Amino acid sequence: MREKDLSKISRIIRVLLKYPEGVWIRRISRESKLPVSTVHFYIDNILGDLIENIGARDRKGKFFGLRIVKLKPKVRESVEKKGLKIVFNYLKMYNKV
């Protein structure tokens, strides 16, 4: 498994904070200066509990075509009030990082 990097998580969350209505994964990649595959990995495997996905799925539950992601409202609220440390604490508590 890839090493989980808190700076990458931070960069992804900072982009998500800029788009409360959601944003394409490619835009997150562009603005965070991370490869699309890295953004996919972190969203699907590390940040999945904190993020809402909007888009079409196939019969197996995999997204295809357009996919929009955004922070869940309570997560956004917590990060805006308490900062990114709350996310890191959650991820550490559940052994995600």
N, C-alpha and C. Protein backbone atom coordinates (compact mmCIF):
# COMPACT_ATOMS: atom_id res chain seq x y z
N MET A 1 0.84 -1.19 0.00
CA MET A 1 0.00 0.00 0.00
C MET A 1 0.88 1.24 0.00
N ARG A 2 0.40 2.27 -0.63
CA ARG A 2 1.15 3.52 -0.71
C ARG A 2 1.22 4.20 0.64
N GLU A 3 2.29 4.93 0.82
CA GLU A 3 2.42 5.71 2.05
C GLU A 3 1.43 6.87 2.01
N LYS A 4 0.72 7.06 3.10
CA LYS A 4 -0.27 8.13 3.16
C LYS A 4 0.39 9.40 3.67
N ASP A 5 0.28 10.44 2.91
CA ASP A 5 0.97 11.69 3.18
C ASP A 5 -0.02 12.76 3.64
N LEU A 6 0.18 13.28 4.84
CA LEU A 6 -0.74 14.29 5.38
C LEU A 6 -0.74 15.57 4.55
N SER A 7 0.37 15.90 3.92
CA SER A 7 0.39 17.12 3.10
C SER A 7 -0.49 16.94 1.86
N LYS A 8 -0.56 15.74 1.32
CA LYS A 8 -1.44 15.49 0.17
C LYS A 8 -2.90 15.58 0.61
N ILE A 9 -3.20 15.01 1.76
CA ILE A 9 -4.57 15.10 2.29
C ILE A 9 -4.94 16.56 2.51
N SER A 10 -4.05 17.31 3.07
CA SER A 10 -4.28 18.73 3.33
C SER A 10 -4.55 19.49 2.03
N ARG A 11 -3.76 19.22 1.00
CA ARG A 11 -3.94 19.90 -0.28
C ARG A 11 -5.30 19.58 -0.90
N ILE A 12 -5.71 18.33 -0.81
CA ILE A 12 -7.01 17.93 -1.36
C ILE A 12 -8.14 18.60 -0.60
N ILE A 13 -8.07 18.60 0.72
CA ILE A 13 -9.14 19.19 1.53
C ILE A 13 -9.21 20.70 1.31
N ARG A 14 -8.07 21.35 1.17
CA ARG A 14 -8.09 22.81 0.92
C ARG A 14 -8.81 23.14 -0.39
N VAL A 15 -8.62 22.31 -1.41
CA VAL A 15 -9.34 22.54 -2.67
C VAL A 15 -10.84 22.29 -2.45
N LEU A 16 -11.18 21.21 -1.77
CA LEU A 16 -12.59 20.91 -1.52
C LEU A 16 -13.28 22.03 -0.73
N LEU A 17 -12.57 22.67 0.17
CA LEU A 17 -13.14 23.77 0.94
C LEU A 17 -13.51 24.96 0.05
N LYS A 18 -12.82 25.12 -1.06
CA LYS A 18 -13.09 26.23 -1.97
C LYS A 18 -14.37 26.02 -2.78
N TYR A 19 -14.86 24.78 -2.82
CA TYR A 19 -16.01 24.43 -3.65
C TYR A 19 -17.10 23.73 -2.82
N PRO A 20 -17.90 24.48 -2.09
CA PRO A 20 -18.90 23.85 -1.22
C PRO A 20 -19.96 23.04 -2.00
N GLU A 21 -20.20 23.38 -3.25
CA GLU A 21 -21.19 22.66 -4.05
C GLU A 21 -20.61 21.44 -4.74
N GLY A 22 -19.30 21.25 -4.65
CA GLY A 22 -18.65 20.10 -5.25
C GLY A 22 -17.72 20.51 -6.38
N VAL A 23 -16.84 19.59 -6.73
CA VAL A 23 -15.82 19.88 -7.74
C VAL A 23 -15.41 18.57 -8.41
N TRP A 24 -14.99 18.66 -9.66
CA TRP A 24 -14.50 17.49 -10.39
C TRP A 24 -13.14 17.06 -9.84
N ILE A 25 -12.89 15.80 -9.91
CA ILE A 25 -11.62 15.26 -9.43
C ILE A 25 -10.45 15.84 -10.23
N ARG A 26 -10.64 16.05 -11.51
CA ARG A 26 -9.55 16.62 -12.32
C ARG A 26 -9.20 18.05 -11.87
N ARG A 27 -10.19 18.80 -11.44
CA ARG A 27 -9.91 20.15 -10.94
C ARG A 27 -9.15 20.08 -9.61
N ILE A 28 -9.54 19.14 -8.75
CA ILE A 28 -8.80 18.94 -7.50
C ILE A 28 -7.35 18.63 -7.83
N SER A 29 -7.15 17.76 -8.80
CA SER A 29 -5.81 17.38 -9.22
C SER A 29 -5.02 18.60 -9.70
N ARG A 30 -5.64 19.38 -10.54
CA ARG A 30 -4.97 20.55 -11.11
C ARG A 30 -4.61 21.57 -10.03
N GLU A 31 -5.56 21.87 -9.15
CA GLU A 31 -5.34 22.91 -8.15
C GLU A 31 -4.44 22.46 -7.00
N SER A 32 -4.45 21.17 -6.71
CA SER A 32 -3.59 20.66 -5.64
C SER A 32 -2.21 20.27 -6.15
N LYS A 33 -2.06 20.26 -7.49
CA LYS A 33 -0.81 19.86 -8.13
C LYS A 33 -0.44 18.41 -7.78
N LEU A 34 -1.47 17.56 -7.71
CA LEU A 34 -1.29 16.13 -7.48
C LEU A 34 -1.81 15.38 -8.70
N PRO A 35 -1.22 14.23 -9.01
CA PRO A 35 -1.73 13.44 -10.14
C PRO A 35 -3.17 12.99 -9.89
N VAL A 36 -3.93 12.85 -10.97
CA VAL A 36 -5.33 12.42 -10.85
C VAL A 36 -5.42 11.08 -10.11
N SER A 37 -4.50 10.17 -10.40
CA SER A 37 -4.54 8.86 -9.74
C SER A 37 -4.34 8.98 -8.24
N THR A 38 -3.51 9.92 -7.81
CA THR A 38 -3.29 10.15 -6.38
C THR A 38 -4.54 10.70 -5.73
N VAL A 39 -5.19 11.65 -6.38
CA VAL A 39 -6.43 12.23 -5.85
C VAL A 39 -7.50 11.13 -5.73
N HIS A 40 -7.63 10.29 -6.77
CA HIS A 40 -8.57 9.18 -6.72
C HIS A 40 -8.26 8.26 -5.54
N PHE A 41 -7.00 7.92 -5.36
CA PHE A 41 -6.60 7.03 -4.27
C PHE A 41 -7.01 7.59 -2.92
N TYR A 42 -6.69 8.85 -2.68
CA TYR A 42 -7.00 9.46 -1.38
C TYR A 42 -8.50 9.61 -1.17
N ILE A 43 -9.24 9.99 -2.20
CA ILE A 43 -10.68 10.15 -2.06
C ILE A 43 -11.36 8.80 -1.84
N ASP A 44 -10.97 7.80 -2.58
CA ASP A 44 -11.62 6.49 -2.48
C ASP A 44 -11.19 5.70 -1.25
N ASN A 45 -9.93 5.82 -0.84
CA ASN A 45 -9.40 4.95 0.21
C ASN A 45 -9.17 5.60 1.56
N ILE A 46 -8.92 6.88 1.58
CA ILE A 46 -8.56 7.55 2.84
C ILE A 46 -9.67 8.49 3.30
N LEU A 47 -10.18 9.31 2.40
CA LEU A 47 -11.14 10.35 2.76
C LEU A 47 -12.59 9.97 2.50
N GLY A 48 -12.84 8.74 2.10
CA GLY A 48 -14.18 8.32 1.70
C GLY A 48 -15.28 8.61 2.71
N ASP A 49 -14.98 8.48 4.00
CA ASP A 49 -16.00 8.73 5.04
C ASP A 49 -16.33 10.21 5.19
N LEU A 50 -15.49 11.07 4.67
CA LEU A 50 -15.66 12.52 4.87
C LEU A 50 -16.23 13.22 3.64
N ILE A 51 -16.42 12.47 2.56
CA ILE A 51 -16.75 13.06 1.27
C ILE A 51 -18.03 12.48 0.70
N GLU A 52 -18.80 13.34 0.03
CA GLU A 52 -19.98 12.90 -0.73
C GLU A 52 -19.59 12.82 -2.20
N ASN A 53 -20.00 11.76 -2.86
CA ASN A 53 -19.76 11.58 -4.29
C ASN A 53 -21.07 11.75 -5.03
N ILE A 54 -21.03 12.49 -6.12
CA ILE A 54 -22.21 12.70 -6.94
C ILE A 54 -21.83 12.28 -8.36
N GLY A 55 -22.60 11.38 -8.94
CA GLY A 55 -22.31 10.94 -10.29
C GLY A 55 -22.99 9.63 -10.61
N ALA A 56 -22.83 9.20 -11.85
CA ALA A 56 -23.43 7.95 -12.31
C ALA A 56 -22.55 6.76 -11.93
N ARG A 57 -23.20 5.65 -11.58
CA ARG A 57 -22.49 4.42 -11.23
C ARG A 57 -22.96 3.28 -12.13
N ASP A 58 -22.05 2.35 -12.36
CA ASP A 58 -22.43 1.17 -13.12
C ASP A 58 -23.05 0.13 -12.18
N ARG A 59 -23.35 -1.05 -12.68
CA ARG A 59 -23.99 -2.08 -11.86
C ARG A 59 -23.12 -2.56 -10.71
N LYS A 60 -21.82 -2.42 -10.85
CA LYS A 60 -20.89 -2.84 -9.80
C LYS A 60 -20.65 -1.74 -8.76
N GLY A 61 -21.25 -0.58 -8.96
CA GLY A 61 -21.09 0.53 -8.02
C GLY A 61 -19.92 1.43 -8.31
N LYS A 62 -19.23 1.20 -9.43
CA LYS A 62 -18.10 2.04 -9.82
C LYS A 62 -18.61 3.28 -10.56
N PHE A 63 -17.96 4.41 -10.29
CA PHE A 63 -18.34 5.64 -10.97
C PHE A 63 -17.84 5.61 -12.41
N PHE A 64 -18.63 6.20 -13.32
CA PHE A 64 -18.18 6.38 -14.69
C PHE A 64 -18.67 7.74 -15.16
N GLY A 65 -17.97 8.29 -16.12
CA GLY A 65 -18.36 9.61 -16.60
C GLY A 65 -18.04 10.68 -15.58
N LEU A 66 -18.91 11.65 -15.49
CA LEU A 66 -18.73 12.79 -14.61
C LEU A 66 -18.89 12.39 -13.15
N ARG A 67 -17.96 12.82 -12.32
CA ARG A 67 -18.03 12.54 -10.88
C ARG A 67 -17.66 13.82 -10.14
N ILE A 68 -18.55 14.24 -9.26
CA ILE A 68 -18.35 15.44 -8.46
C ILE A 68 -18.17 14.99 -7.01
N VAL A 69 -17.22 15.57 -6.31
CA VAL A 69 -17.03 15.26 -4.90
C VAL A 69 -17.09 16.54 -4.08
N LYS A 70 -17.54 16.40 -2.84
CA LYS A 70 -17.56 17.54 -1.93
C LYS A 70 -17.46 17.02 -0.50
N LEU A 71 -17.02 17.89 0.39
CA LEU A 71 -16.97 17.52 1.80
C LEU A 71 -18.39 17.43 2.35
N LYS A 72 -18.63 16.47 3.22
CA LYS A 72 -19.93 16.38 3.88
C LYS A 72 -20.13 17.65 4.71
N PRO A 73 -21.37 18.12 4.84
CA PRO A 73 -21.63 19.40 5.52
C PRO A 73 -21.04 19.49 6.93
N LYS A 74 -21.19 18.45 7.73
CA LYS A 74 -20.65 18.49 9.10
C LYS A 74 -19.13 18.51 9.10
N VAL A 75 -18.52 17.83 8.14
CA VAL A 75 -17.05 17.84 8.03
C VAL A 75 -16.59 19.23 7.66
N ARG A 76 -17.24 19.83 6.67
CA ARG A 76 -16.88 21.19 6.24
C ARG A 76 -16.98 22.15 7.42
N GLU A 77 -18.09 22.06 8.15
CA GLU A 77 -18.32 22.93 9.30
C GLU A 77 -17.21 22.75 10.34
N SER A 78 -16.86 21.52 10.65
CA SER A 78 -15.82 21.24 11.64
C SER A 78 -14.47 21.77 11.21
N VAL A 79 -14.13 21.56 9.94
CA VAL A 79 -12.83 22.03 9.43
C VAL A 79 -12.78 23.55 9.44
N GLU A 80 -13.88 24.20 9.06
CA GLU A 80 -13.90 25.67 9.06
C GLU A 80 -13.76 26.23 10.46
N LYS A 81 -14.31 25.54 11.46
CA LYS A 81 -14.23 26.01 12.85
C LYS A 81 -12.92 25.64 13.53
N LYS A 82 -12.49 24.39 13.33
CA LYS A 82 -11.36 23.86 14.11
C LYS A 82 -10.10 23.61 13.31
N GLY A 83 -10.16 23.71 11.98
CA GLY A 83 -8.99 23.50 11.16
C GLY A 83 -8.80 22.05 10.74
N LEU A 84 -7.76 21.83 9.95
CA LEU A 84 -7.48 20.51 9.40
C LEU A 84 -7.10 19.48 10.45
N LYS A 85 -6.67 19.94 11.60
CA LYS A 85 -6.24 19.01 12.65
C LYS A 85 -7.36 18.04 13.02
N ILE A 86 -8.60 18.50 12.97
CA ILE A 86 -9.73 17.63 13.29
C ILE A 86 -9.82 16.46 12.32
N VAL A 87 -9.53 16.71 11.05
CA VAL A 87 -9.54 15.65 10.04
C VAL A 87 -8.42 14.66 10.31
N PHE A 88 -7.22 15.19 10.58
CA PHE A 88 -6.08 14.32 10.84
C PHE A 88 -6.32 13.45 12.07
N ASN A 89 -6.92 14.02 13.10
CA ASN A 89 -7.24 13.25 14.31
C ASN A 89 -8.22 12.13 14.00
N TYR A 90 -9.24 12.42 13.20
CA TYR A 90 -10.21 11.41 12.81
C TYR A 90 -9.52 10.28 12.03
N LEU A 91 -8.70 10.66 11.05
CA LEU A 91 -8.03 9.67 10.22
C LEU A 91 -7.09 8.79 11.04
N LYS A 92 -6.41 9.39 12.00
CA LYS A 92 -5.51 8.62 12.87
C LYS A 92 -6.30 7.69 13.78
N MET A 93 -7.43 8.18 14.29
CA MET A 93 -8.25 7.38 15.20
C MET A 93 -8.76 6.12 14.49
N TYR A 94 -9.07 6.22 13.21
CA TYR A 94 -9.60 5.09 12.46
C TYR A 94 -8.53 4.41 11.61
N ASN A 95 -7.26 4.66 11.95
CA ASN A 95 -6.12 4.01 11.27
C ASN A 95 -6.12 4.19 9.76
N LYS A 96 -6.50 5.38 9.31
CA LYS A 96 -6.47 5.67 7.88
C LYS A 96 -5.12 6.26 7.46
N VAL A 97 -4.41 6.82 8.42
CA VAL A 97 -3.06 7.36 8.14
C VAL A 97 -2.10 6.84 9.19
